[in-house]
Amino acid sequence: MNALHIMRQRLRAMTAYSARHVLGALIGMYALIGALTGGPVQAQAINARWTGTWLNEHGTERLVISERQFAISQTTCQWSTTVPKQVKRCHAYYEGSLTRAQIQQALEESEKHAQNMLRQGADPKTTKAVQEQFRRNRQVMARISNDTFKLIQTNSPEKEMGSGDCGEVFFLDKETIYQLSQCAPAPEAFTLTPYRRLNQ
């Protein structure tokens, strides 16, 4: 299965599902993001700024976060104050960090990869979907502060068994949670999704 075919599959899925369903959960995002993080940081209790109910920009995905749980749509992860050594259920925890410059670099590299794929002969529908996705990514990127962000990652037995090549990390910037998603076999399928807190 070549990279263009993988990209087409990812993009078709993007039109029907959220980035989480397209890319799965990240186990470290070491395909790209792992190389950019400043290394693991000691896990700890979740900061109260994260807690509450959050909705993505399309109104299709919710994050429900408490001191004990990190729930993404139908998946509920237990908050872990340490990085779990054995994964017996879904866990969420702090690990690693990213700067704005590193996120920008990842976005630019993914966009270059996408353009290379398109030049191999993508159909007009695929081309339009790729261009629209990166237009949205750039709009979201413009709102991210020039800062370093602590990452929340998730893991589960299912992810350990076969989806470690795809996934996401989460970070909090001011009053917005961002979900950064990517897939190692299709790095052009890169998304930045903002979540805003629902009014209580």
N, C-alpha and C. Protein backbone atom coordinates (compact mmCIF):
# COMPACT_ATOMS: atom_id res chain seq x y z
N MET A 1 0.86 -1.20 0.00
CA MET A 1 0.00 0.00 0.00
C MET A 1 0.89 1.24 0.00
N ASN A 2 0.82 2.06 -1.09
CA ASN A 2 1.71 3.21 -1.17
C ASN A 2 1.19 4.38 -0.35
N ALA A 3 2.07 5.38 -0.19
CA ALA A 3 1.73 6.51 0.69
C ALA A 3 0.53 7.30 0.17
N LEU A 4 0.41 7.43 -1.16
CA LEU A 4 -0.71 8.17 -1.72
C LEU A 4 -2.03 7.47 -1.40
N HIS A 5 -2.03 6.14 -1.50
CA HIS A 5 -3.25 5.39 -1.17
C HIS A 5 -3.60 5.57 0.30
N ILE A 6 -2.59 5.52 1.16
CA ILE A 6 -2.83 5.74 2.59
C ILE A 6 -3.40 7.13 2.82
N MET A 7 -2.83 8.14 2.14
CA MET A 7 -3.32 9.50 2.29
C MET A 7 -4.78 9.60 1.86
N ARG A 8 -5.13 8.98 0.74
CA ARG A 8 -6.50 9.03 0.27
C ARG A 8 -7.45 8.39 1.28
N GLN A 9 -7.01 7.27 1.86
CA GLN A 9 -7.84 6.62 2.87
C GLN A 9 -8.05 7.54 4.07
N ARG A 10 -6.97 8.17 4.53
CA ARG A 10 -7.06 9.07 5.68
C ARG A 10 -7.99 10.24 5.36
N LEU A 11 -7.85 10.81 4.15
CA LEU A 11 -8.64 11.98 3.81
C LEU A 11 -10.11 11.65 3.63
N ARG A 12 -10.41 10.49 3.08
CA ARG A 12 -11.81 10.08 2.99
C ARG A 12 -12.40 9.95 4.38
N ALA A 13 -11.62 9.40 5.28
CA ALA A 13 -12.10 9.25 6.66
C ALA A 13 -12.28 10.60 7.32
N MET A 14 -11.42 11.56 7.01
CA MET A 14 -11.52 12.89 7.62
C MET A 14 -12.86 13.55 7.31
N THR A 15 -13.39 13.28 6.14
CA THR A 15 -14.64 13.93 5.79
C THR A 15 -15.82 13.36 6.55
N ALA A 16 -15.65 12.17 7.13
CA ALA A 16 -16.76 11.53 7.84
C ALA A 16 -16.58 11.48 9.34
N TYR A 17 -15.37 11.54 9.80
CA TYR A 17 -15.11 11.37 11.22
C TYR A 17 -14.20 12.47 11.74
N SER A 18 -14.11 12.54 13.04
CA SER A 18 -13.20 13.49 13.67
C SER A 18 -11.77 13.01 13.54
N ALA A 19 -10.83 13.90 13.86
CA ALA A 19 -9.42 13.53 13.79
C ALA A 19 -9.11 12.35 14.71
N ARG A 20 -9.81 12.25 15.80
CA ARG A 20 -9.53 11.14 16.72
C ARG A 20 -9.86 9.82 16.06
N HIS A 21 -11.00 9.71 15.35
CA HIS A 21 -11.37 8.47 14.70
C HIS A 21 -10.45 8.16 13.53
N VAL A 22 -9.98 9.21 12.87
CA VAL A 22 -9.09 9.01 11.72
C VAL A 22 -7.74 8.49 12.17
N LEU A 23 -7.18 9.10 13.17
CA LEU A 23 -5.78 8.86 13.51
C LEU A 23 -5.56 8.02 14.76
N GLY A 24 -6.62 7.73 15.50
CA GLY A 24 -6.47 6.93 16.70
C GLY A 24 -5.78 7.70 17.80
N ALA A 25 -5.32 7.00 18.83
CA ALA A 25 -4.66 7.66 19.95
C ALA A 25 -3.16 7.48 19.83
N LEU A 26 -2.44 8.48 20.23
CA LEU A 26 -0.99 8.47 20.10
C LEU A 26 -0.33 7.78 21.28
N ILE A 27 0.55 6.87 21.02
CA ILE A 27 1.37 6.29 22.07
C ILE A 27 2.73 6.95 21.98
N GLY A 28 2.82 8.15 22.54
CA GLY A 28 4.08 8.88 22.51
C GLY A 28 4.29 9.74 21.28
N MET A 29 3.55 9.50 20.20
CA MET A 29 3.73 10.18 18.91
C MET A 29 5.21 10.22 18.54
N TYR A 30 5.90 9.09 18.73
CA TYR A 30 7.32 9.08 18.50
C TYR A 30 7.70 9.02 17.03
N ALA A 31 6.72 8.83 16.14
CA ALA A 31 7.03 8.89 14.72
C ALA A 31 7.54 10.28 14.33
N LEU A 32 6.87 11.32 14.85
CA LEU A 32 7.27 12.70 14.55
C LEU A 32 7.40 13.49 15.84
N ILE A 33 6.33 13.55 16.60
CA ILE A 33 6.33 14.40 17.78
C ILE A 33 7.31 13.91 18.82
N GLY A 34 7.49 12.59 18.93
CA GLY A 34 8.44 12.06 19.91
C GLY A 34 9.83 12.62 19.68
N ALA A 35 10.19 12.82 18.42
CA ALA A 35 11.50 13.37 18.12
C ALA A 35 11.61 14.84 18.47
N LEU A 36 10.47 15.51 18.64
CA LEU A 36 10.48 16.94 18.89
C LEU A 36 10.31 17.30 20.36
N THR A 37 9.77 16.37 21.16
CA THR A 37 9.51 16.69 22.55
C THR A 37 10.81 16.89 23.30
N GLY A 38 10.72 17.65 24.37
CA GLY A 38 11.88 17.91 25.18
C GLY A 38 12.20 16.78 26.13
N GLY A 39 11.60 15.60 25.93
CA GLY A 39 11.83 14.47 26.80
C GLY A 39 10.71 14.35 27.80
N PRO A 40 10.59 13.18 28.45
CA PRO A 40 9.51 12.96 29.38
C PRO A 40 9.62 13.86 30.60
N VAL A 41 8.47 14.28 31.13
CA VAL A 41 8.44 15.02 32.37
C VAL A 41 7.72 14.17 33.40
N GLN A 42 7.99 14.40 34.68
CA GLN A 42 7.37 13.62 35.71
C GLN A 42 5.86 13.82 35.70
N ALA A 43 5.14 12.71 35.64
CA ALA A 43 3.68 12.81 35.63
C ALA A 43 3.18 13.29 36.99
N GLN A 44 1.99 13.86 37.01
CA GLN A 44 1.46 14.45 38.22
C GLN A 44 -0.05 14.59 38.11
N ALA A 45 -0.68 15.08 39.17
CA ALA A 45 -2.12 15.32 39.13
C ALA A 45 -2.43 16.35 38.05
N ILE A 46 -3.58 16.20 37.42
CA ILE A 46 -3.93 17.11 36.34
C ILE A 46 -4.23 18.50 36.90
N ASN A 47 -3.76 19.51 36.18
CA ASN A 47 -4.01 20.89 36.58
C ASN A 47 -5.50 21.21 36.47
N ALA A 48 -6.03 21.94 37.42
CA ALA A 48 -7.46 22.26 37.45
C ALA A 48 -7.90 23.05 36.22
N ARG A 49 -6.98 23.71 35.52
CA ARG A 49 -7.34 24.45 34.31
C ARG A 49 -7.88 23.54 33.21
N TRP A 50 -7.55 22.26 33.27
CA TRP A 50 -8.02 21.32 32.27
C TRP A 50 -9.44 20.84 32.54
N THR A 51 -9.88 20.87 33.77
CA THR A 51 -11.12 20.19 34.12
C THR A 51 -12.34 20.92 33.58
N GLY A 52 -13.34 20.14 33.19
CA GLY A 52 -14.57 20.69 32.63
C GLY A 52 -14.96 19.94 31.37
N THR A 53 -15.94 20.47 30.66
CA THR A 53 -16.41 19.89 29.40
C THR A 53 -16.02 20.82 28.27
N TRP A 54 -15.42 20.26 27.23
CA TRP A 54 -14.89 21.03 26.12
C TRP A 54 -15.48 20.49 24.81
N LEU A 55 -15.67 21.37 23.84
CA LEU A 55 -16.26 21.00 22.56
C LEU A 55 -15.35 21.45 21.42
N ASN A 56 -15.18 20.59 20.41
CA ASN A 56 -14.32 20.99 19.30
C ASN A 56 -15.05 22.00 18.40
N GLU A 57 -14.33 22.57 17.45
CA GLU A 57 -14.86 23.66 16.64
C GLU A 57 -16.02 23.25 15.76
N HIS A 58 -16.14 21.95 15.47
CA HIS A 58 -17.24 21.47 14.63
C HIS A 58 -18.44 21.02 15.45
N GLY A 59 -18.29 21.00 16.77
CA GLY A 59 -19.37 20.55 17.63
C GLY A 59 -19.61 19.05 17.57
N THR A 60 -18.61 18.30 17.12
CA THR A 60 -18.78 16.85 16.93
C THR A 60 -18.07 16.01 17.98
N GLU A 61 -17.14 16.58 18.72
CA GLU A 61 -16.37 15.82 19.70
C GLU A 61 -16.31 16.58 21.02
N ARG A 62 -16.43 15.84 22.11
CA ARG A 62 -16.34 16.43 23.44
C ARG A 62 -15.17 15.83 24.21
N LEU A 63 -14.57 16.68 25.02
CA LEU A 63 -13.64 16.24 26.06
C LEU A 63 -14.31 16.51 27.39
N VAL A 64 -14.37 15.50 28.24
CA VAL A 64 -14.90 15.67 29.59
C VAL A 64 -13.79 15.28 30.55
N ILE A 65 -13.27 16.26 31.26
CA ILE A 65 -12.05 16.06 32.05
C ILE A 65 -12.32 16.38 33.51
N SER A 66 -11.89 15.47 34.37
CA SER A 66 -11.98 15.68 35.82
C SER A 66 -10.65 15.30 36.44
N GLU A 67 -10.57 15.35 37.76
CA GLU A 67 -9.34 14.97 38.44
C GLU A 67 -9.02 13.50 38.24
N ARG A 68 -10.02 12.69 37.93
CA ARG A 68 -9.83 11.25 37.83
C ARG A 68 -9.97 10.70 36.42
N GLN A 69 -10.60 11.45 35.51
CA GLN A 69 -10.87 10.91 34.20
C GLN A 69 -10.57 11.92 33.09
N PHE A 70 -10.23 11.37 31.93
CA PHE A 70 -10.01 12.14 30.71
C PHE A 70 -10.80 11.42 29.63
N ALA A 71 -12.00 11.92 29.34
CA ALA A 71 -12.92 11.22 28.44
C ALA A 71 -12.99 11.93 27.10
N ILE A 72 -12.82 11.16 26.02
CA ILE A 72 -12.87 11.68 24.66
C ILE A 72 -13.99 10.93 23.95
N SER A 73 -15.12 11.60 23.74
CA SER A 73 -16.28 10.96 23.12
C SER A 73 -16.63 9.68 23.87
N GLN A 74 -16.50 8.51 23.22
CA GLN A 74 -16.91 7.26 23.85
C GLN A 74 -15.79 6.58 24.62
N THR A 75 -14.62 7.16 24.65
CA THR A 75 -13.48 6.56 25.33
C THR A 75 -13.18 7.32 26.61
N THR A 76 -13.18 6.60 27.74
CA THR A 76 -12.88 7.21 29.03
C THR A 76 -11.58 6.64 29.56
N CYS A 77 -10.61 7.52 29.78
CA CYS A 77 -9.31 7.12 30.30
C CYS A 77 -9.19 7.54 31.76
N GLN A 78 -8.59 6.70 32.54
CA GLN A 78 -8.33 7.02 33.94
C GLN A 78 -7.10 7.90 34.02
N TRP A 79 -7.20 8.99 34.82
CA TRP A 79 -6.03 9.85 34.97
C TRP A 79 -5.00 9.14 35.83
N SER A 80 -3.77 9.14 35.36
CA SER A 80 -2.66 8.51 36.07
C SER A 80 -1.66 9.58 36.50
N THR A 81 -1.31 9.58 37.77
CA THR A 81 -0.35 10.57 38.27
C THR A 81 1.09 10.18 37.94
N THR A 82 1.28 8.96 37.44
CA THR A 82 2.59 8.53 36.95
C THR A 82 2.38 7.87 35.60
N VAL A 83 3.41 7.87 34.77
CA VAL A 83 3.31 7.21 33.48
C VAL A 83 3.15 5.71 33.73
N PRO A 84 2.06 5.09 33.26
CA PRO A 84 1.81 3.68 33.57
C PRO A 84 2.85 2.76 32.94
N LYS A 85 3.33 1.82 33.74
CA LYS A 85 4.29 0.84 33.23
C LYS A 85 3.59 -0.35 32.60
N GLN A 86 2.42 -0.68 33.14
CA GLN A 86 1.60 -1.74 32.57
C GLN A 86 0.25 -1.15 32.17
N VAL A 87 -0.15 -1.41 30.94
CA VAL A 87 -1.37 -0.80 30.42
C VAL A 87 -2.49 -1.86 30.44
N LYS A 88 -3.35 -1.76 31.44
CA LYS A 88 -4.46 -2.70 31.58
C LYS A 88 -5.79 -2.06 31.22
N ARG A 89 -5.81 -0.75 31.12
CA ARG A 89 -6.99 -0.02 30.70
C ARG A 89 -6.52 1.30 30.11
N CYS A 90 -7.45 2.14 29.62
CA CYS A 90 -7.03 3.41 29.05
C CYS A 90 -6.56 4.35 30.15
N HIS A 91 -5.38 4.93 29.95
CA HIS A 91 -4.81 5.89 30.90
C HIS A 91 -4.51 7.20 30.18
N ALA A 92 -4.61 8.30 30.91
CA ALA A 92 -4.16 9.61 30.44
C ALA A 92 -3.16 10.14 31.44
N TYR A 93 -2.15 10.84 30.97
CA TYR A 93 -1.07 11.27 31.85
C TYR A 93 -0.24 12.34 31.14
N TYR A 94 0.51 13.10 31.95
CA TYR A 94 1.45 14.06 31.40
C TYR A 94 2.71 13.32 30.96
N GLU A 95 3.18 13.64 29.75
CA GLU A 95 4.49 13.16 29.32
C GLU A 95 4.98 13.99 28.14
N GLY A 96 6.14 14.60 28.28
CA GLY A 96 6.74 15.34 27.20
C GLY A 96 6.23 16.77 27.08
N SER A 97 6.83 17.51 26.16
CA SER A 97 6.44 18.89 25.92
C SER A 97 6.78 19.27 24.49
N LEU A 98 6.13 20.32 24.00
CA LEU A 98 6.38 20.87 22.67
C LEU A 98 6.38 22.38 22.74
N THR A 99 7.23 23.01 21.94
CA THR A 99 7.19 24.45 21.79
C THR A 99 6.35 24.80 20.58
N ARG A 100 5.94 26.06 20.49
CA ARG A 100 5.20 26.50 19.31
C ARG A 100 6.04 26.30 18.06
N ALA A 101 7.32 26.59 18.14
CA ALA A 101 8.20 26.45 16.98
C ALA A 101 8.25 25.01 16.50
N GLN A 102 8.24 24.06 17.42
CA GLN A 102 8.27 22.65 17.04
C GLN A 102 6.96 22.23 16.38
N ILE A 103 5.85 22.74 16.88
CA ILE A 103 4.56 22.43 16.26
C ILE A 103 4.52 23.01 14.85
N GLN A 104 5.00 24.25 14.70
CA GLN A 104 5.06 24.90 13.39
C GLN A 104 5.92 24.09 12.43
N GLN A 105 7.06 23.60 12.91
CA GLN A 105 7.94 22.79 12.08
C GLN A 105 7.25 21.51 11.64
N ALA A 106 6.55 20.85 12.57
CA ALA A 106 5.83 19.63 12.23
C ALA A 106 4.76 19.89 11.18
N LEU A 107 4.06 20.99 11.33
CA LEU A 107 3.02 21.36 10.36
C LEU A 107 3.62 21.59 8.98
N GLU A 108 4.70 22.35 8.93
CA GLU A 108 5.32 22.66 7.65
C GLU A 108 5.85 21.41 6.97
N GLU A 109 6.48 20.52 7.73
CA GLU A 109 6.99 19.28 7.15
C GLU A 109 5.86 18.41 6.64
N SER A 110 4.77 18.35 7.37
CA SER A 110 3.62 17.56 6.93
C SER A 110 3.01 18.13 5.66
N GLU A 111 2.95 19.46 5.58
CA GLU A 111 2.38 20.09 4.39
C GLU A 111 3.28 19.83 3.17
N LYS A 112 4.58 19.88 3.36
CA LYS A 112 5.50 19.58 2.25
C LYS A 112 5.30 18.15 1.77
N HIS A 113 5.14 17.24 2.74
CA HIS A 113 4.93 15.84 2.38
C HIS A 113 3.62 15.69 1.61
N ALA A 114 2.60 16.40 2.03
CA ALA A 114 1.31 16.34 1.35
C ALA A 114 1.43 16.84 -0.09
N GLN A 115 2.14 17.94 -0.28
CA GLN A 115 2.31 18.48 -1.63
C GLN A 115 3.05 17.49 -2.53
N ASN A 116 4.03 16.80 -1.96
CA ASN A 116 4.74 15.77 -2.74
C ASN A 116 3.79 14.66 -3.15
N MET A 117 2.91 14.26 -2.23
CA MET A 117 1.94 13.22 -2.55
C MET A 117 0.98 13.68 -3.65
N LEU A 118 0.54 14.92 -3.56
CA LEU A 118 -0.40 15.44 -4.57
C LEU A 118 0.23 15.47 -5.95
N ARG A 119 1.52 15.79 -6.00
CA ARG A 119 2.20 15.85 -7.30
C ARG A 119 2.33 14.48 -7.96
N GLN A 120 2.13 13.43 -7.19
CA GLN A 120 2.19 12.08 -7.76
C GLN A 120 0.92 11.71 -8.51
N GLY A 121 -0.08 12.60 -8.46
CA GLY A 121 -1.26 12.34 -9.27
C GLY A 121 -2.55 12.19 -8.49
N ALA A 122 -2.73 12.96 -7.45
CA ALA A 122 -3.97 12.89 -6.68
C ALA A 122 -5.14 13.42 -7.50
N ASP A 123 -6.31 12.86 -7.25
CA ASP A 123 -7.50 13.34 -7.95
C ASP A 123 -7.93 14.69 -7.37
N PRO A 124 -8.77 15.45 -8.10
CA PRO A 124 -9.18 16.79 -7.64
C PRO A 124 -9.83 16.79 -6.27
N LYS A 125 -10.64 15.77 -5.97
CA LYS A 125 -11.31 15.73 -4.67
C LYS A 125 -10.30 15.59 -3.54
N THR A 126 -9.31 14.71 -3.72
CA THR A 126 -8.27 14.53 -2.71
C THR A 126 -7.45 15.80 -2.55
N THR A 127 -7.09 16.42 -3.69
CA THR A 127 -6.31 17.65 -3.65
C THR A 127 -7.04 18.73 -2.86
N LYS A 128 -8.32 18.89 -3.12
CA LYS A 128 -9.11 19.90 -2.42
C LYS A 128 -9.18 19.61 -0.94
N ALA A 129 -9.35 18.34 -0.57
CA ALA A 129 -9.43 17.97 0.85
C ALA A 129 -8.12 18.25 1.57
N VAL A 130 -7.00 17.93 0.92
CA VAL A 130 -5.68 18.19 1.52
C VAL A 130 -5.48 19.69 1.72
N GLN A 131 -5.75 20.46 0.69
CA GLN A 131 -5.54 21.90 0.77
C GLN A 131 -6.43 22.54 1.83
N GLU A 132 -7.66 22.08 1.95
CA GLU A 132 -8.58 22.62 2.94
C GLU A 132 -8.13 22.25 4.36
N GLN A 133 -7.64 21.02 4.54
CA GLN A 133 -7.16 20.61 5.86
C GLN A 133 -6.00 21.49 6.31
N PHE A 134 -5.05 21.74 5.44
CA PHE A 134 -3.90 22.54 5.83
C PHE A 134 -4.25 24.02 5.95
N ARG A 135 -5.23 24.48 5.20
CA ARG A 135 -5.70 25.85 5.42
C ARG A 135 -6.25 25.99 6.84
N ARG A 136 -7.04 25.01 7.29
CA ARG A 136 -7.57 25.05 8.65
C ARG A 136 -6.45 24.93 9.67
N ASN A 137 -5.47 24.06 9.39
CA ASN A 137 -4.34 23.92 10.31
C ASN A 137 -3.61 25.25 10.50
N ARG A 138 -3.38 25.96 9.40
CA ARG A 138 -2.66 27.23 9.49
C ARG A 138 -3.46 28.27 10.27
N GLN A 139 -4.78 28.25 10.10
CA GLN A 139 -5.62 29.18 10.86
C GLN A 139 -5.53 28.89 12.35
N VAL A 140 -5.57 27.62 12.70
CA VAL A 140 -5.47 27.25 14.12
C VAL A 140 -4.07 27.58 14.64
N MET A 141 -3.06 27.28 13.85
CA MET A 141 -1.68 27.54 14.27
C MET A 141 -1.46 29.01 14.60
N ALA A 142 -2.10 29.89 13.86
CA ALA A 142 -1.93 31.33 14.07
C ALA A 142 -2.42 31.78 15.44
N ARG A 143 -3.27 30.98 16.08
CA ARG A 143 -3.83 31.36 17.38
C ARG A 143 -3.02 30.81 18.56
N ILE A 144 -2.04 29.97 18.28
CA ILE A 144 -1.28 29.33 19.36
C ILE A 144 -0.18 30.27 19.85
N SER A 145 -0.04 30.36 21.15
CA SER A 145 0.93 31.27 21.77
C SER A 145 2.36 30.81 21.53
N ASN A 146 3.29 31.75 21.62
CA ASN A 146 4.71 31.43 21.52
C ASN A 146 5.18 30.95 22.89
N ASP A 147 5.02 29.66 23.15
CA ASP A 147 5.25 29.13 24.48
C ASP A 147 5.68 27.67 24.37
N THR A 148 5.95 27.05 25.51
CA THR A 148 6.23 25.62 25.60
C THR A 148 5.06 24.96 26.31
N PHE A 149 4.56 23.86 25.76
CA PHE A 149 3.33 23.25 26.27
C PHE A 149 3.59 21.84 26.79
N LYS A 150 3.11 21.60 27.99
CA LYS A 150 3.14 20.25 28.56
C LYS A 150 2.08 19.41 27.87
N LEU A 151 2.44 18.17 27.52
CA LEU A 151 1.56 17.31 26.76
C LEU A 151 0.81 16.32 27.64
N ILE A 152 -0.44 16.08 27.29
CA ILE A 152 -1.19 14.95 27.83
C ILE A 152 -1.27 13.89 26.74
N GLN A 153 -0.93 12.67 27.13
CA GLN A 153 -0.99 11.55 26.21
C GLN A 153 -1.95 10.50 26.77
N THR A 154 -2.42 9.62 25.91
CA THR A 154 -3.29 8.53 26.34
C THR A 154 -2.74 7.21 25.83
N ASN A 155 -3.09 6.14 26.54
CA ASN A 155 -2.67 4.81 26.13
C ASN A 155 -3.71 3.81 26.60
N SER A 156 -3.79 2.69 25.90
CA SER A 156 -4.74 1.64 26.27
C SER A 156 -4.24 0.31 25.73
N PRO A 157 -4.77 -0.81 26.23
CA PRO A 157 -4.35 -2.12 25.70
C PRO A 157 -4.56 -2.24 24.19
N GLU A 158 -5.67 -1.68 23.69
CA GLU A 158 -5.95 -1.76 22.26
C GLU A 158 -4.90 -1.03 21.44
N LYS A 159 -4.49 0.12 21.92
CA LYS A 159 -3.47 0.89 21.22
C LYS A 159 -2.13 0.18 21.25
N GLU A 160 -1.83 -0.46 22.38
CA GLU A 160 -0.58 -1.20 22.51
C GLU A 160 -0.52 -2.34 21.49
N MET A 161 -1.69 -2.87 21.13
CA MET A 161 -1.72 -4.05 20.28
C MET A 161 -1.67 -3.74 18.79
N GLY A 162 -1.77 -2.46 18.39
CA GLY A 162 -1.72 -2.30 16.94
C GLY A 162 -1.90 -0.94 16.35
N SER A 163 -2.18 0.10 17.12
CA SER A 163 -2.39 1.40 16.49
C SER A 163 -1.36 2.42 16.94
N GLY A 164 -0.18 1.94 17.33
CA GLY A 164 0.85 2.85 17.82
C GLY A 164 1.44 3.76 16.77
N ASP A 165 1.11 3.48 15.48
CA ASP A 165 1.65 4.33 14.43
C ASP A 165 0.80 5.57 14.21
N CYS A 166 -0.36 5.66 14.87
CA CYS A 166 -1.25 6.79 14.69
C CYS A 166 -1.73 7.29 16.05
N GLY A 167 -2.07 8.56 16.11
CA GLY A 167 -2.64 9.05 17.36
C GLY A 167 -2.51 10.53 17.57
N GLU A 168 -2.61 10.94 18.83
CA GLU A 168 -2.64 12.36 19.15
C GLU A 168 -2.06 12.66 20.52
N VAL A 169 -1.74 13.92 20.71
CA VAL A 169 -1.41 14.47 22.02
C VAL A 169 -2.29 15.69 22.23
N PHE A 170 -2.42 16.12 23.48
CA PHE A 170 -3.23 17.28 23.83
C PHE A 170 -2.37 18.27 24.59
N PHE A 171 -2.63 19.56 24.35
CA PHE A 171 -1.96 20.58 25.16
C PHE A 171 -2.92 21.74 25.38
N LEU A 172 -2.67 22.49 26.44
CA LEU A 172 -3.55 23.59 26.84
C LEU A 172 -2.82 24.92 26.64
N ASP A 173 -3.46 25.82 25.91
CA ASP A 173 -2.91 27.16 25.68
C ASP A 173 -3.99 28.17 26.06
N LYS A 174 -3.77 28.90 27.11
CA LYS A 174 -4.74 29.87 27.62
C LYS A 174 -6.08 29.17 27.89
N GLU A 175 -7.12 29.53 27.14
CA GLU A 175 -8.44 28.95 27.38
C GLU A 175 -8.84 27.92 26.33
N THR A 176 -7.86 27.34 25.64
CA THR A 176 -8.15 26.39 24.57
C THR A 176 -7.30 25.14 24.74
N ILE A 177 -7.93 23.97 24.59
CA ILE A 177 -7.21 22.71 24.49
C ILE A 177 -7.02 22.42 23.01
N TYR A 178 -5.80 22.01 22.65
CA TYR A 178 -5.52 21.63 21.27
C TYR A 178 -5.20 20.14 21.20
N GLN A 179 -5.75 19.50 20.19
CA GLN A 179 -5.47 18.11 19.89
C GLN A 179 -4.61 18.08 18.63
N LEU A 180 -3.40 17.55 18.75
CA LEU A 180 -2.49 17.46 17.61
C LEU A 180 -2.46 16.00 17.19
N SER A 181 -2.91 15.72 15.96
CA SER A 181 -3.05 14.34 15.50
C SER A 181 -2.21 14.11 14.25
N GLN A 182 -1.63 12.90 14.19
CA GLN A 182 -0.86 12.53 13.01
C GLN A 182 -0.74 11.02 12.93
N CYS A 183 -0.40 10.53 11.74
CA CYS A 183 -0.23 9.10 11.51
C CYS A 183 1.11 8.88 10.81
N ALA A 184 1.93 7.99 11.36
CA ALA A 184 3.25 7.78 10.80
C ALA A 184 3.22 7.31 9.34
N PRO A 185 2.31 6.38 8.94
CA PRO A 185 2.29 5.97 7.53
C PRO A 185 1.83 7.08 6.59
N ALA A 186 1.13 8.09 7.13
CA ALA A 186 0.62 9.18 6.29
C ALA A 186 0.84 10.50 7.02
N PRO A 187 2.09 10.97 7.13
CA PRO A 187 2.36 12.20 7.89
C PRO A 187 1.67 13.42 7.33
N GLU A 188 1.21 13.34 6.06
CA GLU A 188 0.46 14.48 5.52
C GLU A 188 -0.92 14.60 6.16
N ALA A 189 -1.42 13.53 6.77
CA ALA A 189 -2.72 13.57 7.45
C ALA A 189 -2.51 14.11 8.86
N PHE A 190 -2.29 15.40 8.93
CA PHE A 190 -1.90 16.11 10.16
C PHE A 190 -3.02 17.08 10.51
N THR A 191 -3.49 17.07 11.74
CA THR A 191 -4.56 17.99 12.12
C THR A 191 -4.29 18.64 13.46
N LEU A 192 -4.69 19.90 13.56
CA LEU A 192 -4.69 20.65 14.82
C LEU A 192 -6.14 21.01 15.10
N THR A 193 -6.69 20.48 16.18
CA THR A 193 -8.10 20.68 16.49
C THR A 193 -8.24 21.41 17.82
N PRO A 194 -8.86 22.59 17.84
CA PRO A 194 -9.08 23.31 19.10
C PRO A 194 -10.38 22.89 19.78
N TYR A 195 -10.35 22.89 21.10
CA TYR A 195 -11.54 22.65 21.92
C TYR A 195 -11.72 23.84 22.86
N ARG A 196 -12.94 24.33 22.92
CA ARG A 196 -13.27 25.42 23.85
C ARG A 196 -14.21 24.91 24.94
N ARG A 197 -14.03 25.46 26.13
CA ARG A 197 -14.84 25.03 27.25
C ARG A 197 -16.29 25.45 27.06
N LEU A 198 -17.20 24.53 27.36
CA LEU A 198 -18.62 24.85 27.32
C LEU A 198 -18.99 25.71 28.52
N ASN A 199 -19.92 26.63 28.33
CA ASN A 199 -20.38 27.43 29.45
C ASN A 199 -21.09 26.55 30.47
N GLN A 200 -20.72 26.72 31.72
CA GLN A 200 -21.31 25.92 32.79
C GLN A 200 -22.60 26.56 33.29
